Structure formats: structure tokens, C-alpha cells
Amino acid sequence: GGSESDTTSSSESEEEIKETKVSSSRFATAYESSSESEDEVRVVRSQKDRTWSSITEKIAKMKNAKKNSDWSAMHTEFDEINKIIVKAKMIILTNGLPKQYV
């Protein structure tokens, strides 16, 4: 009777060891794949450029929603543009609103 509980606990510990090895190998794989992308050139853009491009992208989505008469999507994009503008208040004060928005 006592030998059954011993085999059960030993098999449970073996499963825990296997799970640990799997999770550590997943991390190693993720780390290796991120290190492979070091050959790519990283483009550094200013906060103004990132803000303007996100507003331009939202405006394009808004125009597409207008063409499709998808008013709920258009409203959502408009709200998101306004949130971006509120967050970028200092940039807009110094540079003005983007021409696409007006």
C-alpha cells in the first residue's frame, strides 16, 4: 500500500521537472529570437513625428469608415484622435494642430 503513494509522488515530481524544462526552453527560444533581430536597423522618431503619424493613421481609418458608412467606427476613431491630441497638448501648443486634423 505504501509503495503506491511513493510512485505517485515520484511521478508528480518528474512532471514538475519536465514542466520547468519546457518553460525555461520557451524563454530561451524567445530570447534567441529577439537577439536575432539585432541585425535590423531601429528607426528613432521624435515624439512629434510619432504623434503626427498616429493622428494621420486614425484619420485614414476615419475616412475609410466614412466611405463604408460605418458611423460607429468613425466615432471611435474620432474619439481616439481627440485622446491623442489631449495627451500631446504640449507638442500641439508649440507646433499647432496637424493639417490633416483641421
PDB file of N, CA and C in Angstrom:
ATOM      1  N   GLY A   1       0.796  -1.178   0.000  1.00  0.00           N
ATOM      2  CA  GLY A   1       0.000   0.000   0.000  1.00  0.00           C
ATOM      3  C   GLY A   1       0.841   1.244   0.000  1.00  0.00           C
ATOM      4  N   GLY A   2       1.957   1.269   0.787  1.00  0.00           N
ATOM      5  CA  GLY A   2       2.770   2.469   0.867  1.00  0.00           C
ATOM      6  C   GLY A   2       3.546   2.726  -0.394  1.00  0.00           C
ATOM      7  N   SER A   3       3.823   1.682  -1.184  1.00  0.00           N
ATOM      8  CA  SER A   3       4.614   1.856  -2.390  1.00  0.00           C
ATOM      9  C   SER A   3       3.843   2.608  -3.467  1.00  0.00           C
ATOM     10  N   GLU A   4       2.493   2.510  -3.450  1.00  0.00           N
ATOM     11  CA  GLU A   4       1.698   3.223  -4.442  1.00  0.00           C
ATOM     12  C   GLU A   4       1.836   4.732  -4.266  1.00  0.00           C
ATOM     13  N   SER A   5       1.804   5.221  -3.025  1.00  0.00           N
ATOM     14  CA  SER A   5       1.914   6.660  -2.805  1.00  0.00           C
ATOM     15  C   SER A   5       3.315   7.150  -3.156  1.00  0.00           C
ATOM     16  N   ASP A   6       4.345   6.300  -2.958  1.00  0.00           N
ATOM     17  CA  ASP A   6       5.699   6.683  -3.314  1.00  0.00           C
ATOM     18  C   ASP A   6       5.842   6.853  -4.822  1.00  0.00           C
ATOM     19  N   THR A   7       5.255   5.937  -5.598  1.00  0.00           N
ATOM     20  CA  THR A   7       5.366   6.043  -7.060  1.00  0.00           C
ATOM     21  C   THR A   7       4.575   7.230  -7.575  1.00  0.00           C
ATOM     22  N   THR A   8       3.456   7.531  -6.936  1.00  0.00           N
ATOM     23  CA  THR A   8       2.660   8.674  -7.373  1.00  0.00           C
ATOM     24  C   THR A   8       3.420   9.965  -7.136  1.00  0.00           C
ATOM     25  N   SER A   9       4.038  10.115  -5.978  1.00  0.00           N
ATOM     26  CA  SER A   9       4.760  11.346  -5.685  1.00  0.00           C
ATOM     27  C   SER A   9       6.002  11.473  -6.558  1.00  0.00           C
ATOM     28  N   SER A  10       6.650  10.356  -6.868  1.00  0.00           N
ATOM     29  CA  SER A  10       7.838  10.445  -7.714  1.00  0.00           C
ATOM     30  C   SER A  10       7.458  10.802  -9.142  1.00  0.00           C
ATOM     31  N   SER A  11       6.326  10.293  -9.636  1.00  0.00           N
ATOM     32  CA  SER A  11       5.920  10.652 -10.993  1.00  0.00           C
ATOM     33  C   SER A  11       5.465  12.103 -11.051  1.00  0.00           C
ATOM     34  N   GLU A  12       4.858  12.611  -9.958  1.00  0.00           N
ATOM     35  CA  GLU A  12       4.459  14.013  -9.928  1.00  0.00           C
ATOM     36  C   GLU A  12       5.690  14.919  -9.969  1.00  0.00           C
ATOM     37  N   SER A  13       6.737  14.558  -9.251  1.00  0.00           N
ATOM     38  CA  SER A  13       7.937  15.387  -9.254  1.00  0.00           C
ATOM     39  C   SER A  13       8.619  15.350 -10.613  1.00  0.00           C
ATOM     40  N   GLU A  14       8.560  14.206 -11.305  1.00  0.00           N
ATOM     41  CA  GLU A  14       9.129  14.126 -12.649  1.00  0.00           C
ATOM     42  C   GLU A  14       8.378  15.057 -13.598  1.00  0.00           C
ATOM     43  N   GLU A  15       7.017  15.130 -13.460  1.00  0.00           N
ATOM     44  CA  GLU A  15       6.234  16.019 -14.311  1.00  0.00           C
ATOM     45  C   GLU A  15       6.593  17.475 -14.039  1.00  0.00           C
ATOM     46  N   GLU A  16       6.808  17.827 -12.781  1.00  0.00           N
ATOM     47  CA  GLU A  16       7.184  19.190 -12.436  1.00  0.00           C
ATOM     48  C   GLU A  16       8.527  19.549 -13.060  1.00  0.00           C
ATOM     49  N   ILE A  17       9.457  18.610 -13.058  1.00  0.00           N
ATOM     50  CA  ILE A  17      10.768  18.844 -13.653  1.00  0.00           C
ATOM     51  C   ILE A  17      10.622  19.056 -15.154  1.00  0.00           C
ATOM     52  N   LYS A  18       9.794  18.231 -15.806  1.00  0.00           N
ATOM     53  CA  LYS A  18       9.581  18.374 -17.241  1.00  0.00           C
ATOM     54  C   LYS A  18       8.967  19.730 -17.559  1.00  0.00           C
ATOM     55  N   GLU A  19       7.964  20.182 -16.758  1.00  0.00           N
ATOM     56  CA  GLU A  19       7.335  21.469 -16.993  1.00  0.00           C
ATOM     57  C   GLU A  19       8.342  22.603 -16.842  1.00  0.00           C
ATOM     58  N   THR A  20       9.231  22.481 -15.866  1.00  0.00           N
ATOM     59  CA  THR A  20      10.248  23.507 -15.655  1.00  0.00           C
ATOM     60  C   THR A  20      11.180  23.579 -16.853  1.00  0.00           C
ATOM     61  N   LYS A  21      11.579  22.424 -17.372  1.00  0.00           N
ATOM     62  CA  LYS A  21      12.455  22.416 -18.538  1.00  0.00           C
ATOM     63  C   LYS A  21      11.774  23.033 -19.745  1.00  0.00           C
ATOM     64  N   VAL A  22      10.478  22.742 -19.933  1.00  0.00           N
ATOM     65  CA  VAL A  22       9.745  23.283 -21.070  1.00  0.00           C
ATOM     66  C   VAL A  22       9.651  24.797 -20.951  1.00  0.00           C
ATOM     67  N   SER A  23       9.315  25.306 -19.773  1.00  0.00           N
ATOM     68  CA  SER A  23       9.168  26.750 -19.621  1.00  0.00           C
ATOM     69  C   SER A  23      10.509  27.453 -19.791  1.00  0.00           C
ATOM     70  N   SER A  24      11.598  26.864 -19.314  1.00  0.00           N
ATOM     71  CA  SER A  24      12.898  27.506 -19.485  1.00  0.00           C
ATOM     72  C   SER A  24      13.331  27.480 -20.946  1.00  0.00           C
ATOM     73  N   SER A  25      12.977  26.428 -21.667  1.00  0.00           N
ATOM     74  CA  SER A  25      13.338  26.392 -23.079  1.00  0.00           C
ATOM     75  C   SER A  25      12.495  27.380 -23.880  1.00  0.00           C
ATOM     76  N   ARG A  26      11.270  27.626 -23.452  1.00  0.00           N
ATOM     77  CA  ARG A  26      10.455  28.639 -24.129  1.00  0.00           C
ATOM     78  C   ARG A  26      11.091  30.011 -23.971  1.00  0.00           C
ATOM     79  N   PHE A  27      11.569  30.301 -22.766  1.00  0.00           N
ATOM     80  CA  PHE A  27      12.228  31.580 -22.517  1.00  0.00           C
ATOM     81  C   PHE A  27      13.480  31.694 -23.377  1.00  0.00           C
ATOM     82  N   ALA A  28      14.251  30.623 -23.434  1.00  0.00           N
ATOM     83  CA  ALA A  28      15.481  30.640 -24.223  1.00  0.00           C
ATOM     84  C   ALA A  28      15.162  30.867 -25.698  1.00  0.00           C
ATOM     85  N   THR A  29      14.099  30.253 -26.194  1.00  0.00           N
ATOM     86  CA  THR A  29      13.707  30.435 -27.584  1.00  0.00           C
ATOM     87  C   THR A  29      13.282  31.877 -27.828  1.00  0.00           C
ATOM     88  N   ALA A  30      12.512  32.441 -26.919  1.00  0.00           N
ATOM     89  CA  ALA A  30      12.074  33.822 -27.074  1.00  0.00           C
ATOM     90  C   ALA A  30      13.272  34.771 -27.024  1.00  0.00           C
ATOM     91  N   TYR A  31      14.211  34.489 -26.158  1.00  0.00           N
ATOM     92  CA  TYR A  31      15.396  35.335 -26.039  1.00  0.00           C
ATOM     93  C   TYR A  31      16.238  35.246 -27.303  1.00  0.00           C
ATOM     94  N   GLU A  32      16.390  34.041 -27.830  1.00  0.00           N
ATOM     95  CA  GLU A  32      17.190  33.866 -29.048  1.00  0.00           C
ATOM     96  C   GLU A  32      16.542  34.576 -30.225  1.00  0.00           C
ATOM     97  N   SER A  33      15.215  34.492 -30.337  1.00  0.00           N
ATOM     98  CA  SER A  33      14.565  35.126 -31.473  1.00  0.00           C
ATOM     99  C   SER A  33      14.669  36.645 -31.384  1.00  0.00           C
ATOM    100  N   SER A  34      14.653  37.199 -30.170  1.00  0.00           N
ATOM    101  CA  SER A  34      14.787  38.645 -30.062  1.00  0.00           C
ATOM    102  C   SER A  34      16.212  39.089 -30.348  1.00  0.00           C
ATOM    103  N   SER A  35      17.191  38.253 -30.034  1.00  0.00           N
ATOM    104  CA  SER A  35      18.571  38.626 -30.301  1.00  0.00           C
ATOM    105  C   SER A  35      18.896  38.529 -31.795  1.00  0.00           C
ATOM    106  N   GLU A  36      18.142  37.715 -32.515  1.00  0.00           N
ATOM    107  CA  GLU A  36      18.364  37.599 -33.953  1.00  0.00           C
ATOM    108  C   GLU A  36      17.952  38.873 -34.671  1.00  0.00           C
ATOM    109  N   SER A  37      17.004  39.614 -34.102  1.00  0.00           N
ATOM    110  CA  SER A  37      16.520  40.813 -34.766  1.00  0.00           C
ATOM    111  C   SER A  37      17.442  42.010 -34.547  1.00  0.00           C
ATOM    112  N   GLU A  38      18.574  41.823 -33.888  1.00  0.00           N
ATOM    113  CA  GLU A  38      19.510  42.914 -33.664  1.00  0.00           C
ATOM    114  C   GLU A  38      20.139  43.403 -34.963  1.00  0.00           C
ATOM    115  N   ASP A  39      20.107  42.583 -36.005  1.00  0.00           N
ATOM    116  CA  ASP A  39      20.665  42.988 -37.289  1.00  0.00           C
ATOM    117  C   ASP A  39      19.827  44.077 -37.948  1.00  0.00           C
ATOM    118  N   GLU A  40      18.541  44.160 -37.592  1.00  0.00           N
ATOM    119  CA  GLU A  40      17.661  45.158 -38.178  1.00  0.00           C
ATOM    120  C   GLU A  40      18.002  46.533 -37.613  1.00  0.00           C
ATOM    121  N   VAL A  41      17.806  47.550 -38.445  1.00  0.00           N
ATOM    122  CA  VAL A  41      18.089  48.914 -38.024  1.00  0.00           C
ATOM    123  C   VAL A  41      16.849  49.477 -37.334  1.00  0.00           C
ATOM    124  N   ARG A  42      17.042  50.044 -36.174  1.00  0.00           N
ATOM    125  CA  ARG A  42      15.937  50.625 -35.424  1.00  0.00           C
ATOM    126  C   ARG A  42      15.805  52.092 -35.805  1.00  0.00           C
ATOM    127  N   VAL A  43      14.596  52.476 -36.188  1.00  0.00           N
ATOM    128  CA  VAL A  43      14.336  53.848 -36.587  1.00  0.00           C
ATOM    129  C   VAL A  43      13.876  54.619 -35.354  1.00  0.00           C
ATOM    130  N   VAL A  44      14.575  55.705 -35.053  1.00  0.00           N
ATOM    131  CA  VAL A  44      14.225  56.527 -33.912  1.00  0.00           C
ATOM    132  C   VAL A  44      13.499  57.762 -34.439  1.00  0.00           C
ATOM    133  N   ARG A  45      12.257  57.945 -33.957  1.00  0.00           N
ATOM    134  CA  ARG A  45      11.457  59.096 -34.384  1.00  0.00           C
ATOM    135  C   ARG A  45      11.122  59.948 -33.171  1.00  0.00           C
ATOM    136  N   SER A  46      10.957  61.218 -33.401  1.00  0.00           N
ATOM    137  CA  SER A  46      10.638  62.129 -32.309  1.00  0.00           C
ATOM    138  C   SER A  46       9.192  61.911 -31.855  1.00  0.00           C
ATOM    139  N   GLN A  47       8.886  62.417 -30.670  1.00  0.00           N
ATOM    140  CA  GLN A  47       7.525  62.300 -30.139  1.00  0.00           C
ATOM    141  C   GLN A  47       6.532  62.996 -31.066  1.00  0.00           C
ATOM    142  N   LYS A  48       6.941  64.117 -31.643  1.00  0.00           N
ATOM    143  CA  LYS A  48       6.069  64.846 -32.571  1.00  0.00           C
ATOM    144  C   LYS A  48       5.750  63.981 -33.794  1.00  0.00           C
ATOM    145  N   ASP A  49       6.774  63.352 -34.363  1.00  0.00           N
ATOM    146  CA  ASP A  49       6.566  62.514 -35.546  1.00  0.00           C
ATOM    147  C   ASP A  49       5.660  61.320 -35.230  1.00  0.00           C
ATOM    148  N   ARG A  50       5.858  60.712 -34.063  1.00  0.00           N
ATOM    149  CA  ARG A  50       5.007  59.571 -33.679  1.00  0.00           C
ATOM    150  C   ARG A  50       3.568  60.022 -33.483  1.00  0.00           C
ATOM    151  N   THR A  51       3.387  61.182 -32.874  1.00  0.00           N
ATOM    152  CA  THR A  51       2.039  61.702 -32.645  1.00  0.00           C
ATOM    153  C   THR A  51       1.363  62.027 -33.967  1.00  0.00           C
ATOM    154  N   TRP A  52       2.081  62.726 -34.843  1.00  0.00           N
ATOM    155  CA  TRP A  52       1.510  63.104 -36.145  1.00  0.00           C
ATOM    156  C   TRP A  52       1.164  61.858 -36.963  1.00  0.00           C
ATOM    157  N   SER A  53       2.039  60.858 -36.961  1.00  0.00           N
ATOM    158  CA  SER A  53       1.754  59.659 -37.755  1.00  0.00           C
ATOM    159  C   SER A  53       0.563  58.886 -37.184  1.00  0.00           C
ATOM    160  N   SER A  54       0.414  58.853 -35.864  1.00  0.00           N
ATOM    161  CA  SER A  54      -0.739  58.156 -35.294  1.00  0.00           C
ATOM    162  C   SER A  54      -2.033  58.908 -35.605  1.00  0.00           C
ATOM    163  N   ILE A  55      -1.984  60.249 -35.596  1.00  0.00           N
ATOM    164  CA  ILE A  55      -3.173  61.032 -35.958  1.00  0.00           C
ATOM    165  C   ILE A  55      -3.506  60.803 -37.430  1.00  0.00           C
ATOM    166  N   THR A  56      -2.488  60.820 -38.287  1.00  0.00           N
ATOM    167  CA  THR A  56      -2.705  60.591 -39.721  1.00  0.00           C
ATOM    168  C   THR A  56      -3.303  59.208 -39.972  1.00  0.00           C
ATOM    169  N   GLU A  57      -2.808  58.215 -39.245  1.00  0.00           N
ATOM    170  CA  GLU A  57      -3.329  56.847 -39.385  1.00  0.00           C
ATOM    171  C   GLU A  57      -4.801  56.782 -38.965  1.00  0.00           C
ATOM    172  N   LYS A  58      -5.135  57.425 -37.866  1.00  0.00           N
ATOM    173  CA  LYS A  58      -6.525  57.435 -37.388  1.00  0.00           C
ATOM    174  C   LYS A  58      -7.431  58.167 -38.363  1.00  0.00           C
ATOM    175  N   ILE A  59      -6.934  59.251 -38.960  1.00  0.00           N
ATOM    176  CA  ILE A  59      -7.733  59.991 -39.933  1.00  0.00           C
ATOM    177  C   ILE A  59      -8.007  59.130 -41.160  1.00  0.00           C
ATOM    178  N   ALA A  60      -7.008  58.375 -41.593  1.00  0.00           N
ATOM    179  CA  ALA A  60      -7.202  57.483 -42.746  1.00  0.00           C
ATOM    180  C   ALA A  60      -8.259  56.421 -42.424  1.00  0.00           C
ATOM    181  N   LYS A  61      -8.208  55.882 -41.207  1.00  0.00           N
ATOM    182  CA  LYS A  61      -9.221  54.894 -40.804  1.00  0.00           C
ATOM    183  C   LYS A  61     -10.601  55.534 -40.736  1.00  0.00           C
ATOM    184  N   MET A  62     -10.644  56.788 -40.296  1.00  0.00           N
ATOM    185  CA  MET A  62     -11.906  57.507 -40.209  1.00  0.00           C
ATOM    186  C   MET A  62     -12.506  57.744 -41.595  1.00  0.00           C
ATOM    187  N   LYS A  63     -11.658  58.111 -42.547  1.00  0.00           N
ATOM    188  CA  LYS A  63     -12.130  58.323 -43.925  1.00  0.00           C
ATOM    189  C   LYS A  63     -12.655  57.018 -44.523  1.00  0.00           C
ATOM    190  N   ASN A  64     -11.963  55.926 -44.229  1.00  0.00           N
ATOM    191  CA  ASN A  64     -12.407  54.620 -44.715  1.00  0.00           C
ATOM    192  C   ASN A  64     -13.756  54.251 -44.098  1.00  0.00           C
ATOM    193  N   ALA A  65     -13.931  54.514 -42.825  1.00  0.00           N
ATOM    194  CA  ALA A  65     -15.202  54.229 -42.157  1.00  0.00           C
ATOM    195  C   ALA A  65     -16.319  55.090 -42.755  1.00  0.00           C
ATOM    196  N   LYS A  66     -15.990  56.319 -43.127  1.00  0.00           N
ATOM    197  CA  LYS A  66     -16.985  57.212 -43.740  1.00  0.00           C
ATOM    198  C   LYS A  66     -17.424  56.661 -45.094  1.00  0.00           C
ATOM    199  N   LYS A  67     -16.448  56.158 -45.889  1.00  0.00           N
ATOM    200  CA  LYS A  67     -16.783  55.571 -47.193  1.00  0.00           C
ATOM    201  C   LYS A  67     -17.719  54.386 -47.036  1.00  0.00           C
ATOM    202  N   ASN A  68     -17.494  53.601 -45.973  1.00  0.00           N
ATOM    203  CA  ASN A  68     -18.294  52.401 -45.738  1.00  0.00           C
ATOM    204  C   ASN A  68     -19.562  52.684 -44.933  1.00  0.00           C
ATOM    205  N   SER A  69     -19.797  53.945 -44.614  1.00  0.00           N
ATOM    206  CA  SER A  69     -20.934  54.363 -43.787  1.00  0.00           C
ATOM    207  C   SER A  69     -20.955  53.632 -42.443  1.00  0.00           C
ATOM    208  N   ASP A  70     -19.784  53.414 -41.891  1.00  0.00           N
ATOM    209  CA  ASP A  70     -19.644  52.768 -40.580  1.00  0.00           C
ATOM    210  C   ASP A  70     -19.474  53.870 -39.536  1.00  0.00           C
ATOM    211  N   TRP A  71     -20.589  54.400 -39.091  1.00  0.00           N
ATOM    212  CA  TRP A  71     -20.572  55.570 -38.228  1.00  0.00           C
ATOM    213  C   TRP A  71     -20.036  55.266 -36.837  1.00  0.00           C
ATOM    214  N   SER A  72     -20.245  54.070 -36.355  1.00  0.00           N
ATOM    215  CA  SER A  72     -19.711  53.734 -35.023  1.00  0.00           C
ATOM    216  C   SER A  72     -18.183  53.680 -35.048  1.00  0.00           C
ATOM    217  N   ALA A  73     -17.614  53.136 -36.121  1.00  0.00           N
ATOM    218  CA  ALA A  73     -16.153  53.098 -36.254  1.00  0.00           C
ATOM    219  C   ALA A  73     -15.598  54.503 -36.423  1.00  0.00           C
ATOM    220  N   MET A  74     -16.316  55.327 -37.153  1.00  0.00           N
ATOM    221  CA  MET A  74     -15.884  56.703 -37.365  1.00  0.00           C
ATOM    222  C   MET A  74     -15.890  57.472 -36.036  1.00  0.00           C
ATOM    223  N   HIS A  75     -16.899  57.254 -35.253  1.00  0.00           N
ATOM    224  CA  HIS A  75     -16.995  57.897 -33.942  1.00  0.00           C
ATOM    225  C   HIS A  75     -15.857  57.430 -33.040  1.00  0.00           C
ATOM    226  N   THR A  76     -15.558  56.151 -33.052  1.00  0.00           N
ATOM    227  CA  THR A  76     -14.477  55.584 -32.238  1.00  0.00           C
ATOM    228  C   THR A  76     -13.134  56.192 -32.627  1.00  0.00           C
ATOM    229  N   GLU A  77     -12.861  56.261 -33.928  1.00  0.00           N
ATOM    230  CA  GLU A  77     -11.599  56.838 -34.395  1.00  0.00           C
ATOM    231  C   GLU A  77     -11.499  58.315 -34.017  1.00  0.00           C
ATOM    232  N   PHE A  78     -12.617  59.039 -34.127  1.00  0.00           N
ATOM    233  CA  PHE A  78     -12.622  60.456 -33.765  1.00  0.00           C
ATOM    234  C   PHE A  78     -12.304  60.627 -32.280  1.00  0.00           C
ATOM    235  N   ASP A  79     -12.888  59.784 -31.444  1.00  0.00           N
ATOM    236  CA  ASP A  79     -12.600  59.837 -30.006  1.00  0.00           C
ATOM    237  C   ASP A  79     -11.136  59.538 -29.719  1.00  0.00           C
ATOM    238  N   GLU A  80     -10.579  58.547 -30.431  1.00  0.00           N
ATOM    239  CA  GLU A  80      -9.167  58.194 -30.230  1.00  0.00           C
ATOM    240  C   GLU A  80      -8.244  59.328 -30.676  1.00  0.00           C
ATOM    241  N   ILE A  81      -8.594  60.004 -31.759  1.00  0.00           N
ATOM    242  CA  ILE A  81      -7.800  61.157 -32.212  1.00  0.00           C
ATOM    243  C   ILE A  81      -7.812  62.242 -31.142  1.00  0.00           C
ATOM    244  N   ASN A  82      -8.979  62.500 -30.586  1.00  0.00           N
ATOM    245  CA  ASN A  82      -9.080  63.531 -29.555  1.00  0.00           C
ATOM    246  C   ASN A  82      -8.285  63.154 -28.312  1.00  0.00           C
ATOM    247  N   LYS A  83      -8.235  61.879 -27.961  1.00  0.00           N
ATOM    248  CA  LYS A  83      -7.419  61.434 -26.825  1.00  0.00           C
ATOM    249  C   LYS A  83      -5.939  61.672 -27.108  1.00  0.00           C
ATOM    250  N   ILE A  84      -5.511  61.392 -28.327  1.00  0.00           N
ATOM    251  CA  ILE A  84      -4.115  61.611 -28.707  1.00  0.00           C
ATOM    252  C   ILE A  84      -3.785  63.097 -28.613  1.00  0.00           C
ATOM    253  N   ILE A  85      -4.700  63.927 -29.064  1.00  0.00           N
ATOM    254  CA  ILE A  85      -4.473  65.376 -29.038  1.00  0.00           C
ATOM    255  C   ILE A  85      -4.375  65.885 -27.605  1.00  0.00           C
ATOM    256  N   VAL A  86      -5.223  65.355 -26.726  1.00  0.00           N
ATOM    257  CA  VAL A  86      -5.159  65.770 -25.323  1.00  0.00           C
ATOM    258  C   VAL A  86      -3.824  65.360 -24.707  1.00  0.00           C
ATOM    259  N   LYS A  87      -3.344  64.154 -25.025  1.00  0.00           N
ATOM    260  CA  LYS A  87      -2.062  63.685 -24.493  1.00  0.00           C
ATOM    261  C   LYS A  87      -0.889  64.503 -25.039  1.00  0.00           C
ATOM    262  N   ALA A  88      -1.015  64.967 -26.266  1.00  0.00           N
ATOM    263  CA  ALA A  88       0.081  65.690 -26.922  1.00  0.00           C
ATOM    264  C   ALA A  88      -0.126  67.196 -26.833  1.00  0.00           C
ATOM    265  N   LYS A  89      -0.712  67.648 -25.761  1.00  0.00           N
ATOM    266  CA  LYS A  89      -1.054  69.063 -25.605  1.00  0.00           C
ATOM    267  C   LYS A  89       0.161  69.972 -25.774  1.00  0.00           C
ATOM    268  N   MET A  90       1.280  69.623 -25.156  1.00  0.00           N
ATOM    269  CA  MET A  90       2.476  70.476 -25.240  1.00  0.00           C
ATOM    270  C   MET A  90       3.040  70.528 -26.654  1.00  0.00           C
ATOM    271  N   ILE A  91       3.026  69.425 -27.349  1.00  0.00           N
ATOM    272  CA  ILE A  91       3.522  69.390 -28.731  1.00  0.00           C
ATOM    273  C   ILE A  91       2.634  70.254 -29.615  1.00  0.00           C
ATOM    274  N   ILE A  92       1.328  70.170 -29.399  1.00  0.00           N
ATOM    275  CA  ILE A  92       0.390  70.938 -30.218  1.00  0.00           C
ATOM    276  C   ILE A  92       0.487  72.426 -29.905  1.00  0.00           C
ATOM    277  N   LEU A  93       0.735  72.766 -28.655  1.00  0.00           N
ATOM    278  CA  LEU A  93       0.898  74.183 -28.311  1.00  0.00           C
ATOM    279  C   LEU A  93       2.105  74.798 -29.006  1.00  0.00           C
ATOM    280  N   THR A  94       3.171  74.011 -29.153  1.00  0.00           N
ATOM    281  CA  THR A  94       4.371  74.552 -29.795  1.00  0.00           C
ATOM    282  C   THR A  94       4.305  74.481 -31.321  1.00  0.00           C
ATOM    283  N   ASN A  95       3.644  73.458 -31.872  1.00  0.00           N
ATOM    284  CA  ASN A  95       3.651  73.235 -33.318  1.00  0.00           C
ATOM    285  C   ASN A  95       2.310  73.457 -33.982  1.00  0.00           C
ATOM    286  N   GLY A  96       1.243  73.585 -33.226  1.00  0.00           N
ATOM    287  CA  GLY A  96      -0.100  73.723 -33.797  1.00  0.00           C
ATOM    288  C   GLY A  96      -0.698  72.355 -34.116  1.00  0.00           C
ATOM    289  N   LEU A  97      -1.960  72.373 -34.513  1.00  0.00           N
ATOM    290  CA  LEU A  97      -2.631  71.123 -34.877  1.00  0.00           C
ATOM    291  C   LEU A  97      -2.104  70.623 -36.225  1.00  0.00           C
ATOM    292  N   PRO A  98      -2.098  69.316 -36.419  1.00  0.00           N
ATOM    293  CA  PRO A  98      -1.702  68.791 -37.738  1.00  0.00           C
ATOM    294  C   PRO A  98      -2.704  69.247 -38.807  1.00  0.00           C
ATOM    295  N   LYS A  99      -2.202  69.489 -39.995  1.00  0.00           N
ATOM    296  CA  LYS A  99      -3.067  69.970 -41.084  1.00  0.00           C
ATOM    297  C   LYS A  99      -4.154  68.943 -41.419  1.00  0.00           C
ATOM    298  N   GLN A 100      -3.837  67.656 -41.266  1.00  0.00           N
ATOM    299  CA  GLN A 100      -4.810  66.621 -41.588  1.00  0.00           C
ATOM    300  C   GLN A 100      -6.020  66.687 -40.671  1.00  0.00           C
ATOM    301  N   TYR A 101      -5.807  67.108 -39.430  1.00  0.00           N
ATOM    302  CA  TYR A 101      -6.894  67.126 -38.443  1.00  0.00           C
ATOM    303  C   TYR A 101      -7.869  68.273 -38.701  1.00  0.00           C
ATOM    304  N   VAL A 102      -7.346  69.389 -39.144  1.00  0.00           N
ATOM    305  CA  VAL A 102      -8.183  70.575 -39.331  1.00  0.00           C
ATOM    306  C   VAL A 102      -8.981  70.377 -40.541  1.00  0.00           C
TER     307      VAL A 102
END
